[in-house]
């Protein structure tokens, strides 16, 4: 089964996350199928970029977003609507 989740990048105490589609059993920072966005909480304002087309494609194919990614999708949808 596939999951849409975060994988950690960046230096110690300076995290940067990629939003990826990966097998649910794969390690957090292990093998993934596709990068569908990124999230940088250390920047002001927070940097968040998601490819909604590809996320919709993978959800239609059975991928399950994690709770955190689900929140980011909602958050990015609100910011795009405001822009």
N, C-alpha and C. Protein backbone atom coordinates (compact mmCIF):
# COMPACT_ATOMS: atom_id res chain seq x y z
N UNK A 1 0.84 -1.18 0.00
CA UNK A 1 0.00 0.00 0.00
C UNK A 1 0.89 1.25 0.00
N UNK A 2 0.44 2.29 -0.71
CA UNK A 2 1.21 3.52 -0.82
C UNK A 2 0.73 4.55 0.20
N UNK A 3 1.67 5.39 0.63
CA UNK A 3 1.37 6.49 1.55
C UNK A 3 1.97 7.77 1.01
N UNK A 4 1.28 8.87 1.24
CA UNK A 4 1.84 10.19 0.93
C UNK A 4 2.28 10.74 2.27
N UNK A 5 3.58 10.93 2.43
CA UNK A 5 4.11 11.31 3.74
C UNK A 5 5.33 12.21 3.62
N UNK A 6 5.83 12.66 4.77
CA UNK A 6 7.00 13.53 4.81
C UNK A 6 8.27 12.70 4.96
N UNK A 7 9.33 13.15 4.33
CA UNK A 7 10.66 12.58 4.54
C UNK A 7 11.57 13.73 4.94
N UNK A 8 12.39 13.52 5.96
CA UNK A 8 13.19 14.61 6.53
C UNK A 8 14.49 14.81 5.76
N UNK A 9 14.80 16.07 5.51
CA UNK A 9 16.04 16.47 4.88
C UNK A 9 16.63 17.58 5.75
N UNK A 10 17.78 18.12 5.36
CA UNK A 10 18.33 19.27 6.06
C UNK A 10 19.31 18.90 7.14
N UNK A 11 19.86 19.91 7.77
CA UNK A 11 20.87 19.73 8.80
C UNK A 11 20.24 19.53 10.18
N UNK A 12 21.08 19.24 11.13
CA UNK A 12 20.64 19.07 12.51
C UNK A 12 19.98 20.37 13.00
N UNK A 13 18.80 20.25 13.56
CA UNK A 13 17.99 21.36 14.08
C UNK A 13 17.55 22.36 13.01
N UNK A 14 17.70 22.01 11.73
CA UNK A 14 17.24 22.83 10.61
C UNK A 14 16.48 21.94 9.63
N UNK A 15 15.35 21.36 10.04
CA UNK A 15 14.67 20.39 9.18
C UNK A 15 14.02 21.03 7.96
N UNK A 16 13.95 20.24 6.91
CA UNK A 16 13.31 20.57 5.65
C UNK A 16 12.67 19.26 5.22
N UNK A 17 11.43 19.30 4.81
CA UNK A 17 10.73 18.05 4.50
C UNK A 17 10.31 18.00 3.04
N UNK A 18 10.41 16.82 2.45
CA UNK A 18 9.85 16.56 1.13
C UNK A 18 8.55 15.79 1.35
N UNK A 19 7.56 16.08 0.54
CA UNK A 19 6.32 15.32 0.54
C UNK A 19 6.47 14.29 -0.56
N UNK A 20 6.45 13.01 -0.19
CA UNK A 20 6.72 11.94 -1.15
C UNK A 20 5.61 10.89 -1.13
N UNK A 21 5.53 10.15 -2.21
CA UNK A 21 4.69 8.96 -2.30
C UNK A 21 5.64 7.78 -2.11
N UNK A 22 5.37 6.95 -1.11
CA UNK A 22 6.25 5.83 -0.79
C UNK A 22 5.43 4.63 -0.32
N UNK A 23 6.05 3.46 -0.38
CA UNK A 23 5.42 2.27 0.20
C UNK A 23 5.27 2.49 1.70
N UNK A 24 4.17 2.06 2.24
CA UNK A 24 3.91 2.26 3.66
C UNK A 24 4.98 1.58 4.54
N UNK A 25 5.52 0.47 4.08
CA UNK A 25 6.50 -0.30 4.86
C UNK A 25 7.93 0.24 4.73
N UNK A 26 8.18 1.16 3.78
CA UNK A 26 9.53 1.70 3.58
C UNK A 26 9.93 2.58 4.75
N UNK A 27 11.24 2.72 4.96
CA UNK A 27 11.75 3.57 6.04
C UNK A 27 11.38 5.02 5.78
N UNK A 28 11.39 5.84 6.84
CA UNK A 28 10.99 7.24 6.73
C UNK A 28 11.78 7.98 5.64
N UNK A 29 13.10 7.82 5.64
CA UNK A 29 13.94 8.50 4.66
C UNK A 29 14.43 7.56 3.58
N UNK A 30 13.75 6.44 3.41
CA UNK A 30 14.17 5.44 2.44
C UNK A 30 13.62 5.67 1.05
N UNK A 31 13.47 4.56 0.34
CA UNK A 31 13.02 4.58 -1.05
C UNK A 31 11.62 5.17 -1.17
N UNK A 32 11.40 5.95 -2.24
CA UNK A 32 10.09 6.52 -2.51
C UNK A 32 9.80 6.43 -4.00
N UNK A 33 8.55 6.65 -4.36
CA UNK A 33 8.12 6.54 -5.75
C UNK A 33 8.23 7.89 -6.46
N UNK A 34 7.77 8.97 -5.80
CA UNK A 34 7.76 10.28 -6.44
C UNK A 34 7.73 11.38 -5.39
N UNK A 35 8.40 12.50 -5.69
CA UNK A 35 8.33 13.69 -4.84
C UNK A 35 7.18 14.54 -5.36
N UNK A 36 6.25 14.90 -4.48
CA UNK A 36 5.08 15.68 -4.89
C UNK A 36 5.03 17.07 -4.22
N UNK A 37 6.07 17.43 -3.48
CA UNK A 37 6.10 18.76 -2.89
C UNK A 37 7.17 18.87 -1.83
N UNK A 38 7.22 20.03 -1.17
CA UNK A 38 8.15 20.24 -0.07
C UNK A 38 7.55 21.17 0.97
N UNK A 39 8.13 21.13 2.17
CA UNK A 39 7.65 21.91 3.31
C UNK A 39 8.86 22.33 4.13
N UNK A 40 9.04 23.65 4.31
CA UNK A 40 10.15 24.16 5.09
C UNK A 40 9.60 25.00 6.24
N UNK A 41 9.50 24.41 7.45
CA UNK A 41 8.94 25.14 8.59
C UNK A 41 9.91 26.16 9.20
N UNK A 42 11.18 26.13 8.82
CA UNK A 42 12.18 27.02 9.41
C UNK A 42 12.17 28.41 8.79
N UNK A 43 11.61 28.55 7.62
CA UNK A 43 11.55 29.85 6.94
C UNK A 43 10.40 30.69 7.50
N UNK A 44 10.53 32.01 7.41
CA UNK A 44 9.45 32.91 7.78
C UNK A 44 9.08 33.72 6.56
N UNK A 45 7.91 33.65 5.98
CA UNK A 45 6.83 32.73 6.32
C UNK A 45 7.16 31.30 5.89
N UNK A 46 6.44 30.35 6.45
CA UNK A 46 6.67 28.93 6.16
C UNK A 46 6.55 28.68 4.66
N UNK A 47 7.51 27.91 4.12
CA UNK A 47 7.51 27.56 2.70
C UNK A 47 6.77 26.25 2.51
N UNK A 48 5.77 26.25 1.65
CA UNK A 48 4.99 25.03 1.38
C UNK A 48 4.60 25.04 -0.09
N UNK A 49 5.02 24.00 -0.81
CA UNK A 49 4.66 23.87 -2.23
C UNK A 49 4.25 22.43 -2.48
N UNK A 50 3.04 22.24 -2.97
CA UNK A 50 2.53 20.91 -3.28
C UNK A 50 2.01 20.87 -4.71
N UNK A 51 2.20 19.73 -5.37
CA UNK A 51 1.67 19.50 -6.71
C UNK A 51 0.32 18.79 -6.54
N UNK A 52 -0.75 19.58 -6.48
CA UNK A 52 -2.09 19.03 -6.20
C UNK A 52 -2.55 18.05 -7.26
N UNK A 53 -2.14 18.27 -8.51
CA UNK A 53 -2.52 17.33 -9.59
C UNK A 53 -1.99 15.94 -9.31
N UNK A 54 -0.70 15.86 -8.98
CA UNK A 54 -0.06 14.56 -8.72
C UNK A 54 -0.59 13.93 -7.43
N UNK A 55 -0.87 14.74 -6.43
CA UNK A 55 -1.43 14.21 -5.18
C UNK A 55 -2.79 13.60 -5.46
N UNK A 56 -3.62 14.28 -6.23
CA UNK A 56 -4.94 13.75 -6.60
C UNK A 56 -4.80 12.46 -7.39
N UNK A 57 -3.82 12.42 -8.29
CA UNK A 57 -3.57 11.22 -9.09
C UNK A 57 -3.26 10.04 -8.17
N UNK A 58 -2.35 10.23 -7.21
CA UNK A 58 -1.96 9.13 -6.34
C UNK A 58 -3.07 8.72 -5.37
N UNK A 59 -3.85 9.67 -4.92
CA UNK A 59 -4.98 9.33 -4.04
C UNK A 59 -5.99 8.50 -4.82
N UNK A 60 -6.21 8.85 -6.09
CA UNK A 60 -7.12 8.07 -6.94
C UNK A 60 -6.61 6.64 -7.14
N UNK A 61 -5.28 6.46 -7.06
CA UNK A 61 -4.68 5.14 -7.22
C UNK A 61 -4.57 4.38 -5.90
N UNK A 62 -5.09 4.96 -4.80
CA UNK A 62 -5.14 4.25 -3.53
C UNK A 62 -4.13 4.70 -2.48
N UNK A 63 -3.33 5.72 -2.77
CA UNK A 63 -2.37 6.21 -1.77
C UNK A 63 -3.11 6.92 -0.65
N UNK A 64 -2.65 6.71 0.58
CA UNK A 64 -3.28 7.30 1.76
C UNK A 64 -2.37 8.40 2.32
N UNK A 65 -2.82 9.67 2.37
CA UNK A 65 -1.99 10.71 2.99
C UNK A 65 -1.99 10.55 4.51
N UNK A 66 -0.85 10.83 5.14
CA UNK A 66 -0.78 10.79 6.59
C UNK A 66 -1.55 11.98 7.15
N UNK A 67 -1.79 11.98 8.45
CA UNK A 67 -2.53 13.08 9.08
C UNK A 67 -1.82 14.42 8.87
N UNK A 68 -0.50 14.42 9.00
CA UNK A 68 0.28 15.64 8.83
C UNK A 68 0.17 16.15 7.40
N UNK A 69 0.31 15.28 6.44
CA UNK A 69 0.21 15.68 5.03
C UNK A 69 -1.21 16.14 4.72
N UNK A 70 -2.20 15.49 5.30
CA UNK A 70 -3.59 15.90 5.10
C UNK A 70 -3.78 17.35 5.56
N UNK A 71 -3.19 17.70 6.70
CA UNK A 71 -3.25 19.07 7.20
C UNK A 71 -2.54 20.05 6.28
N UNK A 72 -1.38 19.64 5.74
CA UNK A 72 -0.64 20.50 4.82
C UNK A 72 -1.42 20.73 3.53
N UNK A 73 -2.12 19.70 3.05
CA UNK A 73 -2.93 19.83 1.84
C UNK A 73 -4.04 20.85 2.08
N UNK A 74 -4.71 20.75 3.23
CA UNK A 74 -5.76 21.71 3.56
C UNK A 74 -5.20 23.12 3.67
N UNK A 75 -4.06 23.24 4.34
CA UNK A 75 -3.41 24.54 4.54
C UNK A 75 -3.01 25.17 3.20
N UNK A 76 -2.44 24.39 2.30
CA UNK A 76 -2.00 24.92 1.01
C UNK A 76 -3.21 25.29 0.15
N UNK A 77 -4.30 24.57 0.30
CA UNK A 77 -5.53 24.90 -0.44
C UNK A 77 -6.08 26.25 0.00
N UNK A 78 -6.00 26.54 1.29
CA UNK A 78 -6.48 27.83 1.82
C UNK A 78 -5.60 28.97 1.34
N UNK A 79 -4.28 28.77 1.33
CA UNK A 79 -3.37 29.85 0.91
C UNK A 79 -3.52 30.12 -0.57
N UNK A 80 -3.76 29.09 -1.39
CA UNK A 80 -3.95 29.30 -2.82
C UNK A 80 -5.27 30.02 -3.08
N UNK A 81 -6.31 29.72 -2.28
CA UNK A 81 -7.59 30.38 -2.45
C UNK A 81 -7.48 31.86 -2.07
N UNK A 82 -6.65 32.17 -1.08
CA UNK A 82 -6.46 33.56 -0.65
C UNK A 82 -5.63 34.36 -1.65
N UNK A 83 -4.74 33.68 -2.38
CA UNK A 83 -3.82 34.39 -3.30
C UNK A 83 -4.46 34.81 -4.58
